[in-house]
Amino acid sequence: MGPQSPDIQSLSDTEEDMSSGDESLTSRTAQLSISNDAGSETLPPPQSSDTSHACVFDIQFDNLWYRGKRLKNVEYRTRGKRALSGPGVSWVYQHGADLKAKRFEKLWLCKKCYLEKTPTSQIFDAKSTSSITYHMKHAHGIEGGKKASSKENPSQRGLIQSGLLPRPFNDLKYKKNLVDTIIDCDLSFVVVENDKFRELLVSGRPEIEAVLPVSHSTIKNWVLDSFQSRKAQIKDQMSLARSKINISLDGWRAPNRDDYLAICAHYINKEFQLVHCLLGFRNVNGVKSGQCTAEITANVINDYNIGQNLGGFMMDNAKDNDTALQGLAEEFDFDVDFSRLRCLGHIINLVVKALLFGKGVSKVERELAGASSEECFKIWNKQGPIGKLHNICIYINTNSTRQTAFKDCQGEALWVYRLLADGGIRWNSTEAMISRGMCPNVHLQYLYH
């Protein structure tokens, strides 16, 4: 469980860079500029660049000079994964293009000088930024990372969009998409070390190799960084909430018998929309108790700085939750009777269980928790028709041979059903089991022949 991640876009959405050696690029650019000046249909509105380094503007890549020589094979430089994992890049790249050329790995082209056609130096060796910093301070009066002007040539972004100019690889967007894909598809972090997977990601875009991690530990750090970033966003959103922050919490036991506590927030945001978000999914160490629940919940509340704006607490009817809420009230000073909300769905579920199985439902659940398969069969067999139907469903679904035999028992019916066993976290699972078992073409009596 976790905050919903944004929509994951295909890696093919990134535009392919054009070769800087295309001889027809200049003429096509000139033709497009003439047609625009003549008042024909304008290009689409420009899109901002959000790469870790890119300052994108209209550059004639085949007409750049450095140290008295024309540069060859000029293109935007793709930064490596260290730039994505580290503290960031120098502020000077807000004001100039990060380039590379034949025999030069790092070059910086001053945007202001180039667009204004200033005769002074425009291109600098970017292995060190000291000369660039000096140039920005004395030539343009810019120092200390002041933001670059948002003014752009109206046609420059359109030229990039139309494919007439190359653009830098969007490394930040690629990093975000990679992390979101791994999380959304529940992929192992070690998948980035697989040669076939890497070949798939890099195919058609060799510049991806520079930012693609070679170790699963890098992916782990990226995921943790993404979590912290989105956690900060949730904090900011809740600080602007129009309502109290209401909390719902419940426990969950994993198949390996580990206990967890999920804590969710519900509030009205600044746009007056109802928001539900997961704040914590914490492991419960030791015996689960009201005090333990209170400590875990208090840590989450303090972590998000919402203790001063708490509303109601939605919990089930377990006595441990009463103890937990009393402990929370002592720390955050609220009225327990007013804030204690009881889950209606849980109450209805308890009533239905009592109708189906009679008294002692909790005792039966405890017996089933520590019983073997054979013991569970005997326990369920004592629970009347519901228990016997449960045993039949479990028996048939145990292996494919029995499932095939059950399918044959249904004859040539239009719909062939598979039995559903109750249990798990779905409260209506017993109802689903009974409904499926009573389907017209599910003839259980054939199994006894």
Protein backbone atom coordinates (compact mmCIF):
# COMPACT_ATOMS: atom_id res chain seq x y z
CA MET A 1 0.00 0.00 0.00
CA GLY A 2 1.21 3.51 -0.53
CA PRO A 3 0.52 6.82 -2.05
CA GLN A 4 -0.73 6.47 -5.53
CA SER A 5 1.79 6.97 -7.92
CA PRO A 6 1.30 9.23 -11.07
CA ASP A 7 0.38 7.80 -14.47
CA ILE A 8 3.25 5.81 -15.97
CA GLN A 9 3.94 6.78 -19.56
CA SER A 10 5.58 4.63 -22.18
CA LEU A 11 9.30 5.07 -22.59
CA SER A 12 8.63 5.63 -26.27
CA ASP A 13 7.02 9.00 -25.44
CA THR A 14 10.42 10.63 -25.36
CA GLU A 15 11.34 12.24 -28.65
CA GLU A 16 14.15 10.83 -30.70
CA ASP A 17 17.10 13.18 -31.16
CA MET A 18 17.96 14.08 -34.73
CA SER A 19 21.46 13.78 -36.02
CA SER A 20 23.30 17.11 -35.72
CA GLY A 21 25.03 16.36 -39.01
CA ASP A 22 21.88 16.68 -41.12
CA GLU A 23 22.87 19.09 -43.90
CA SER A 24 19.25 19.98 -44.71
CA LEU A 25 18.51 21.10 -41.13
CA THR A 26 19.51 24.72 -41.67
CA SER A 27 17.50 25.13 -44.85
CA ARG A 28 14.38 23.53 -43.39
CA THR A 29 14.68 25.74 -40.31
CA ALA A 30 14.99 28.81 -42.51
CA GLN A 31 11.94 27.79 -44.55
CA LEU A 32 9.89 27.30 -41.42
CA SER A 33 10.97 30.68 -40.04
CA ILE A 34 10.01 32.40 -43.34
CA SER A 35 6.60 30.76 -43.38
CA ASN A 36 6.00 31.87 -39.80
CA ASP A 37 7.03 35.43 -40.61
CA ALA A 38 4.60 35.38 -43.51
CA GLY A 39 1.75 34.83 -41.09
CA SER A 40 1.00 31.18 -41.79
CA GLU A 41 -0.14 28.73 -39.12
CA THR A 42 2.00 28.99 -36.02
CA LEU A 43 3.67 26.08 -34.31
CA PRO A 44 2.23 24.45 -31.19
CA PRO A 45 2.91 26.22 -27.87
CA PRO A 46 6.33 25.45 -26.39
CA GLN A 47 6.78 22.86 -23.68
CA SER A 48 9.10 23.52 -20.77
CA SER A 49 12.13 21.31 -20.24
CA ASP A 50 12.43 19.56 -16.90
CA THR A 51 15.69 17.68 -17.37
CA SER A 52 18.37 17.92 -14.72
CA HIS A 53 20.57 20.15 -16.86
CA ALA A 54 18.84 21.45 -19.97
CA CYS A 55 18.69 25.05 -21.08
CA VAL A 56 17.10 24.64 -24.50
CA PHE A 57 17.10 27.34 -27.16
CA ASP A 58 17.46 27.73 -30.94
CA ILE A 59 21.02 26.71 -31.76
CA GLN A 60 22.63 26.27 -35.18
CA PHE A 61 24.67 23.26 -34.22
CA ASP A 62 26.59 23.21 -37.50
CA ASN A 63 27.83 26.77 -37.05
CA LEU A 64 29.43 26.78 -33.60
CA TRP A 65 33.05 27.84 -33.19
CA TYR A 66 35.43 27.20 -30.31
CA ARG A 67 39.08 28.26 -30.10
CA GLY A 68 39.02 29.35 -33.71
CA LYS A 69 37.71 26.06 -35.09
CA ARG A 70 34.26 24.95 -36.17
CA LEU A 71 32.88 22.27 -33.85
CA LYS A 72 31.82 18.95 -35.32
CA ASN A 73 29.07 16.57 -34.23
CA VAL A 74 27.62 19.01 -31.70
CA GLU A 75 24.66 17.83 -29.62
CA TYR A 76 23.18 18.14 -26.16
CA ARG A 77 25.13 16.16 -23.59
CA THR A 78 23.40 13.37 -21.68
CA ARG A 79 24.31 13.33 -18.01
CA GLY A 80 24.94 10.12 -16.09
CA LYS A 81 23.02 8.59 -13.21
CA ARG A 82 25.23 10.36 -10.66
CA ALA A 83 23.62 13.65 -11.65
CA LEU A 84 20.19 12.11 -10.92
CA SER A 85 21.23 10.62 -7.60
CA GLY A 86 23.36 13.50 -6.36
CA PRO A 87 22.51 16.97 -5.04
CA GLY A 88 22.02 18.41 -8.52
CA VAL A 89 23.98 20.34 -11.12
CA SER A 90 25.50 23.79 -11.12
CA TRP A 91 23.22 26.80 -11.42
CA VAL A 92 25.08 27.94 -14.53
CA TYR A 93 23.16 25.35 -16.58
CA GLN A 94 20.03 27.44 -16.08
CA HIS A 95 21.67 30.04 -18.30
CA GLY A 96 23.48 27.98 -20.94
CA ALA A 97 23.26 24.81 -22.98
CA ASP A 98 25.16 21.72 -21.87
CA LEU A 99 26.79 20.42 -25.05
CA LYS A 100 29.32 17.96 -26.33
CA ALA A 101 31.19 17.77 -29.64
CA LYS A 102 33.89 15.79 -31.37
CA ARG A 103 37.02 15.91 -29.13
CA PHE A 104 35.13 17.89 -26.45
CA GLU A 105 33.12 16.02 -23.81
CA LYS A 106 31.81 19.04 -21.87
CA LEU A 107 31.00 22.44 -23.36
CA TRP A 108 28.78 25.26 -22.16
CA LEU A 109 27.12 27.73 -24.54
CA CYS A 110 25.92 31.00 -23.01
CA LYS A 111 22.29 31.49 -23.99
CA LYS A 112 22.24 35.26 -23.55
CA CYS A 113 25.40 35.82 -25.58
CA TYR A 114 24.30 33.50 -28.35
CA LEU A 115 20.76 34.85 -28.78
CA GLU A 116 21.99 38.47 -28.66
CA LYS A 117 24.87 37.58 -31.01
CA THR A 118 27.38 39.11 -28.65
CA PRO A 119 30.86 39.02 -30.21
CA THR A 120 32.48 38.01 -26.90
CA SER A 121 33.15 34.41 -25.90
CA GLN A 122 30.05 32.25 -25.99
CA ILE A 123 31.38 28.73 -25.52
CA PHE A 124 33.34 27.59 -22.48
CA ASP A 125 35.00 24.36 -21.40
CA ALA A 126 32.61 22.95 -18.76
CA LYS A 127 35.07 20.68 -16.98
CA SER A 128 35.20 23.52 -14.45
CA THR A 129 32.52 26.17 -13.93
CA SER A 130 34.81 28.88 -12.50
CA SER A 131 35.29 30.63 -15.85
CA ILE A 132 31.59 30.32 -16.59
CA THR A 133 30.71 31.82 -13.21
CA TYR A 134 33.11 34.71 -13.85
CA HIS A 135 31.55 35.28 -17.28
CA MET A 136 28.00 35.32 -15.89
CA LYS A 137 28.92 37.77 -13.15
CA HIS A 138 30.92 40.27 -15.21
CA ALA A 139 29.16 39.97 -18.58
CA HIS A 140 25.56 39.65 -17.41
CA GLY A 141 25.51 40.58 -13.71
CA ILE A 142 24.20 37.15 -12.73
CA GLU A 143 25.65 35.19 -9.84
CA GLY A 144 24.70 32.82 -7.05
CA GLY A 145 22.18 30.76 -8.98
CA LYS A 146 19.55 33.37 -9.78
CA LYS A 147 16.90 31.89 -11.96
CA ALA A 148 17.16 32.34 -15.68
CA SER A 149 14.63 34.47 -17.47
CA SER A 150 11.51 32.58 -18.49
CA LYS A 151 11.43 34.45 -21.81
CA GLU A 152 11.92 32.16 -24.75
CA ASN A 153 12.03 32.63 -28.48
CA PRO A 154 8.42 31.84 -29.51
CA SER A 155 9.55 29.47 -32.25
CA GLN A 156 12.44 27.67 -30.57
CA ARG A 157 10.35 25.12 -28.64
CA GLY A 158 8.13 24.60 -31.63
CA LEU A 159 11.17 23.80 -33.73
CA ILE A 160 12.20 21.18 -31.20
CA GLN A 161 8.70 19.73 -31.12
CA SER A 162 8.53 19.54 -34.91
CA GLY A 163 11.79 17.60 -35.00
CA LEU A 164 13.78 20.30 -36.80
CA LEU A 165 16.07 20.77 -33.80
CA PRO A 166 17.49 18.16 -31.44
CA ARG A 167 16.58 18.30 -27.80
CA PRO A 168 18.29 16.95 -24.69
CA PHE A 169 17.26 13.60 -23.28
CA ASN A 170 14.74 14.12 -20.47
CA ASP A 171 16.63 12.25 -17.76
CA LEU A 172 14.43 13.32 -14.84
CA LYS A 173 11.28 12.17 -16.59
CA TYR A 174 12.95 8.89 -17.51
CA LYS A 175 14.07 8.31 -13.91
CA LYS A 176 10.54 8.98 -12.62
CA ASN A 177 8.97 6.66 -15.20
CA LEU A 178 11.44 3.88 -14.42
CA VAL A 179 10.78 4.12 -10.68
CA ASP A 180 7.00 4.27 -11.16
CA THR A 181 7.07 1.25 -13.50
CA ILE A 182 9.07 -0.86 -11.06
CA ILE A 183 6.69 0.05 -8.21
CA ASP A 184 3.47 -0.29 -10.20
CA CYS A 185 4.44 -3.65 -11.74
CA ASP A 186 5.91 -4.92 -8.46
CA LEU A 187 9.24 -5.72 -10.14
CA SER A 188 12.30 -6.80 -8.23
CA PHE A 189 14.98 -4.12 -8.03
CA VAL A 190 17.51 -6.62 -9.33
CA VAL A 191 15.74 -6.62 -12.71
CA VAL A 192 17.93 -3.67 -13.80
CA GLU A 193 20.93 -5.99 -13.66
CA ASN A 194 19.38 -8.37 -16.20
CA ASP A 195 21.05 -8.03 -19.61
CA LYS A 196 17.85 -8.69 -21.58
CA PHE A 197 15.88 -6.16 -19.57
CA ARG A 198 18.60 -3.55 -20.04
CA GLU A 199 18.74 -4.27 -23.75
CA LEU A 200 14.97 -3.72 -23.96
CA LEU A 201 15.17 -0.36 -22.15
CA VAL A 202 18.11 0.94 -24.14
CA SER A 203 16.95 -0.22 -27.57
CA GLY A 204 16.62 2.72 -29.94
CA ARG A 205 17.88 5.24 -27.39
CA PRO A 206 21.59 4.67 -26.66
CA GLU A 207 21.71 7.74 -24.41
CA ILE A 208 19.60 5.84 -21.86
CA GLU A 209 22.66 3.75 -21.05
CA ALA A 210 24.20 6.78 -19.34
CA VAL A 211 21.37 7.09 -16.80
CA LEU A 212 20.33 3.44 -16.40
CA PRO A 213 21.59 2.07 -13.05
CA VAL A 214 23.75 -1.04 -13.12
CA SER A 215 22.97 -2.05 -9.53
CA HIS A 216 19.73 -2.82 -7.71
CA SER A 217 20.92 -0.71 -4.78
CA THR A 218 20.69 2.42 -6.94
CA ILE A 219 17.06 1.60 -7.78
CA LYS A 220 16.41 1.09 -4.07
CA ASN A 221 17.82 4.56 -3.31
CA TRP A 222 15.77 6.08 -6.13
CA VAL A 223 12.58 4.48 -4.78
CA LEU A 224 13.33 5.77 -1.28
CA ASP A 225 14.04 9.24 -2.67
CA SER A 226 10.73 9.13 -4.55
CA PHE A 227 8.93 8.08 -1.37
CA GLN A 228 10.42 10.96 0.61
CA SER A 229 9.55 13.43 -2.15
CA ARG A 230 5.93 12.30 -2.33
CA LYS A 231 5.70 12.17 1.44
CA ALA A 232 6.70 15.85 1.53
CA GLN A 233 3.97 16.60 -1.01
CA ILE A 234 1.37 14.88 1.18
CA LYS A 235 2.55 16.91 4.18
CA ASP A 236 2.15 20.14 2.21
CA GLN A 237 -1.33 19.17 1.03
CA MET A 238 -2.54 18.24 4.51
CA SER A 239 -1.18 21.49 5.94
CA LEU A 240 -3.62 23.31 3.62
CA ALA A 241 -6.61 21.06 4.40
CA ARG A 242 -10.00 22.74 4.70
CA SER A 243 -11.19 20.20 7.27
CA LYS A 244 -9.94 18.20 10.18
CA ILE A 245 -7.68 15.26 9.40
CA ASN A 246 -9.70 12.12 10.10
CA ILE A 247 -7.85 8.86 10.70
CA SER A 248 -8.84 5.27 9.96
CA LEU A 249 -6.65 2.37 11.00
CA ASP A 250 -6.79 -1.38 10.95
CA GLY A 251 -4.50 -4.37 11.37
CA TRP A 252 -3.55 -6.93 8.76
CA ARG A 253 -1.75 -10.25 9.04
CA ALA A 254 0.47 -11.35 6.16
CA PRO A 255 0.64 -14.99 5.01
CA ASN A 256 3.98 -15.29 6.85
CA ARG A 257 2.11 -14.39 10.08
CA ASP A 258 3.69 -10.91 10.39
CA ASP A 259 1.29 -8.25 11.70
CA TYR A 260 0.97 -4.80 10.15
CA LEU A 261 -0.98 -1.66 10.97
CA ALA A 262 -2.34 0.52 8.15
CA ILE A 263 -3.09 4.17 8.94
CA CYS A 264 -5.04 6.31 6.45
CA ALA A 265 -6.02 9.99 6.41
CA HIS A 266 -9.29 11.44 5.10
CA TYR A 267 -9.79 15.19 4.64
CA ILE A 268 -11.07 17.98 2.39
CA ASN A 269 -8.22 19.57 0.44
CA LYS A 270 -7.82 23.21 -0.56
CA GLU A 271 -9.88 22.58 -3.73
CA PHE A 272 -12.73 21.28 -1.49
CA GLN A 273 -12.28 17.71 -2.71
CA LEU A 274 -12.40 14.61 -0.50
CA VAL A 275 -8.96 12.99 -0.30
CA HIS A 276 -7.97 9.55 1.02
CA CYS A 277 -4.29 8.74 1.42
CA LEU A 278 -2.19 6.12 3.16
CA LEU A 279 0.11 7.62 5.79
CA GLY A 280 1.72 4.52 7.21
CA PHE A 281 1.93 0.77 6.81
CA ARG A 282 3.99 -0.22 9.82
CA ASN A 283 5.15 -3.60 11.04
CA VAL A 284 3.86 -4.52 14.51
CA ASN A 285 6.76 -5.88 16.52
CA GLY A 286 5.84 -8.11 19.43
CA VAL A 287 2.35 -8.66 20.79
CA LYS A 288 -0.34 -6.51 19.22
CA SER A 289 -1.99 -4.41 21.92
CA GLY A 290 -3.74 -1.10 22.42
CA GLN A 291 -0.57 0.51 23.69
CA CYS A 292 1.42 -0.75 20.69
CA THR A 293 -1.26 0.56 18.29
CA ALA A 294 -1.23 3.95 20.04
CA GLU A 295 2.56 4.25 19.80
CA ILE A 296 2.67 3.39 16.09
CA THR A 297 -0.23 5.73 15.26
CA ALA A 298 1.27 8.58 17.32
CA ASN A 299 4.59 8.24 15.49
CA VAL A 300 2.83 8.50 12.13
CA ILE A 301 0.76 11.51 13.25
CA ASN A 302 3.87 13.31 14.50
CA ASP A 303 5.74 12.39 11.34
CA TYR A 304 3.18 14.26 9.25
CA ASN A 305 2.72 17.14 11.74
CA ILE A 306 -1.07 16.83 11.92
CA GLY A 307 -1.49 16.37 15.69
CA GLN A 308 -3.02 19.83 16.08
CA ASN A 309 -5.73 19.20 13.46
CA LEU A 310 -7.10 15.74 14.23
CA GLY A 311 -10.76 14.86 13.76
CA GLY A 312 -12.41 11.46 14.14
CA PHE A 313 -10.84 8.00 14.39
CA MET A 314 -12.50 5.15 12.50
CA MET A 315 -11.70 1.78 14.13
CA ASP A 316 -13.38 -1.57 14.65
CA ASN A 317 -14.92 -2.64 17.96
CA ALA A 318 -11.92 -4.46 19.43
CA LYS A 319 -11.19 -3.51 23.04
CA ASP A 320 -7.55 -2.91 22.13
CA ASN A 321 -8.68 -0.01 19.96
CA ASP A 322 -10.46 1.61 22.92
CA THR A 323 -7.19 1.44 24.86
CA ALA A 324 -5.26 2.79 21.87
CA LEU A 325 -7.57 5.79 21.46
CA GLN A 326 -7.30 6.65 25.15
CA GLY A 327 -3.52 6.66 24.82
CA LEU A 328 -3.70 8.90 21.74
CA ALA A 329 -6.08 11.29 23.53
CA GLU A 330 -3.56 11.78 26.31
CA GLU A 331 -0.90 12.86 23.81
CA PHE A 332 -3.01 14.91 21.39
CA ASP A 333 -5.75 16.19 23.73
CA PHE A 334 -9.08 15.29 22.12
CA ASP A 335 -12.44 13.98 23.39
CA VAL A 336 -12.43 10.17 23.11
CA ASP A 337 -16.23 9.84 23.14
CA PHE A 338 -16.62 12.43 20.39
CA SER A 339 -13.76 11.17 18.19
CA ARG A 340 -14.39 7.42 18.50
CA LEU A 341 -16.09 6.24 15.30
CA ARG A 342 -17.06 2.61 14.88
CA CYS A 343 -16.91 0.81 11.56
CA LEU A 344 -20.46 -0.05 10.48
CA GLY A 345 -19.19 -2.58 7.96
CA HIS A 346 -17.33 -4.43 10.71
CA ILE A 347 -20.45 -4.45 12.90
CA ILE A 348 -22.60 -5.86 10.07
CA ASN A 349 -19.94 -8.48 9.39
CA LEU A 350 -20.01 -9.61 13.03
CA VAL A 351 -23.81 -9.84 12.98
CA VAL A 352 -23.80 -11.93 9.81
CA LYS A 353 -21.14 -14.26 11.23
CA ALA A 354 -23.23 -14.75 14.36
CA LEU A 355 -26.26 -15.61 12.22
CA LEU A 356 -24.27 -18.10 10.14
CA PHE A 357 -22.20 -19.79 12.81
CA GLY A 358 -23.89 -18.94 16.11
CA LYS A 359 -21.97 -18.07 19.24
CA GLY A 360 -18.28 -18.63 19.62
CA VAL A 361 -17.20 -17.30 16.23
CA SER A 362 -13.99 -15.83 17.64
CA LYS A 363 -13.13 -19.15 19.28
CA VAL A 364 -13.53 -20.97 15.97
CA GLU A 365 -11.30 -18.41 14.22
CA ARG A 366 -8.58 -18.89 16.83
CA GLU A 367 -8.76 -22.69 16.43
CA LEU A 368 -8.46 -22.39 12.65
CA ALA A 369 -5.46 -20.05 12.92
CA GLY A 370 -3.18 -22.69 14.40
CA ALA A 371 -4.66 -25.85 12.88
CA SER A 372 -3.33 -28.15 10.16
CA SER A 373 -5.27 -28.81 6.93
CA GLU A 374 -6.80 -32.00 8.34
CA GLU A 375 -7.76 -30.29 11.61
CA CYS A 376 -9.29 -27.36 9.71
CA PHE A 377 -11.42 -29.84 7.73
CA LYS A 378 -12.81 -31.32 10.95
CA ILE A 379 -13.45 -27.88 12.52
CA TRP A 380 -15.31 -26.64 9.44
CA ASN A 381 -17.31 -29.87 9.20
CA LYS A 382 -18.92 -29.02 12.56
CA GLN A 383 -20.17 -25.64 11.31
CA GLY A 384 -23.32 -26.86 9.59
CA PRO A 385 -24.11 -26.46 5.86
CA ILE A 386 -21.77 -23.47 5.48
CA GLY A 387 -18.85 -25.42 6.90
CA LYS A 388 -19.54 -28.44 4.71
CA LEU A 389 -19.76 -26.26 1.58
CA HIS A 390 -16.47 -24.66 2.58
CA ASN A 391 -14.79 -28.08 2.80
CA ILE A 392 -16.16 -29.10 -0.61
CA CYS A 393 -14.83 -25.93 -2.24
CA ILE A 394 -11.40 -26.34 -0.64
CA TYR A 395 -11.25 -30.03 -1.61
CA ILE A 396 -12.13 -29.44 -5.28
CA ASN A 397 -9.81 -26.45 -5.72
CA THR A 398 -6.82 -28.24 -4.19
CA ASN A 399 -5.49 -29.52 -7.54
CA SER A 400 -6.21 -29.34 -11.26
CA THR A 401 -7.40 -32.98 -11.50
CA ARG A 402 -10.34 -32.32 -9.18
CA GLN A 403 -11.08 -29.00 -10.89
CA THR A 404 -11.24 -30.80 -14.26
CA ALA A 405 -13.55 -33.47 -12.80
CA PHE A 406 -15.84 -30.76 -11.42
CA LYS A 407 -15.85 -29.02 -14.81
CA ASP A 408 -16.92 -32.28 -16.48
CA CYS A 409 -19.76 -32.61 -13.96
CA GLN A 410 -21.26 -29.38 -15.28
CA GLY A 411 -21.86 -30.95 -18.68
CA GLU A 412 -22.13 -28.73 -21.75
CA ALA A 413 -23.46 -25.69 -19.95
CA LEU A 414 -23.02 -22.26 -21.50
CA TRP A 415 -21.17 -21.07 -18.42
CA VAL A 416 -18.67 -23.28 -16.62
CA TYR A 417 -18.16 -22.25 -13.02
CA ARG A 418 -15.25 -22.56 -10.64
CA LEU A 419 -16.11 -22.89 -6.96
CA LEU A 420 -15.18 -20.03 -4.64
CA ALA A 421 -14.06 -20.67 -1.07
CA ASP A 422 -14.77 -18.14 1.64
CA GLY A 423 -12.09 -16.61 3.80
CA GLY A 424 -9.47 -13.94 3.27
CA ILE A 425 -10.03 -10.22 3.73
CA ARG A 426 -13.26 -9.89 1.72
CA TRP A 427 -16.25 -9.68 4.05
CA ASN A 428 -18.66 -10.91 1.37
CA SER A 429 -16.60 -14.02 0.56
CA THR A 430 -19.08 -16.34 2.32
CA GLU A 431 -21.97 -14.87 0.33
CA ALA A 432 -19.97 -15.34 -2.89
CA MET A 433 -19.24 -18.97 -1.97
CA ILE A 434 -22.93 -19.71 -1.32
CA SER A 435 -24.09 -17.94 -4.50
CA ARG A 436 -21.62 -19.84 -6.65
CA GLY A 437 -22.45 -23.15 -4.98
CA MET A 438 -26.16 -22.66 -5.75
CA CYS A 439 -25.70 -21.99 -9.48
CA PRO A 440 -28.10 -24.18 -11.54
CA ASN A 441 -25.43 -26.09 -13.44
CA VAL A 442 -23.19 -26.74 -10.42
CA HIS A 443 -24.26 -30.30 -9.59
CA LEU A 444 -22.26 -31.22 -6.53
CA GLN A 445 -24.05 -34.57 -6.19
CA TYR A 446 -22.13 -35.92 -9.18
CA LEU A 447 -18.95 -35.80 -7.13
CA TYR A 448 -20.22 -38.58 -4.88
CA HIS A 449 -20.80 -41.13 -7.70
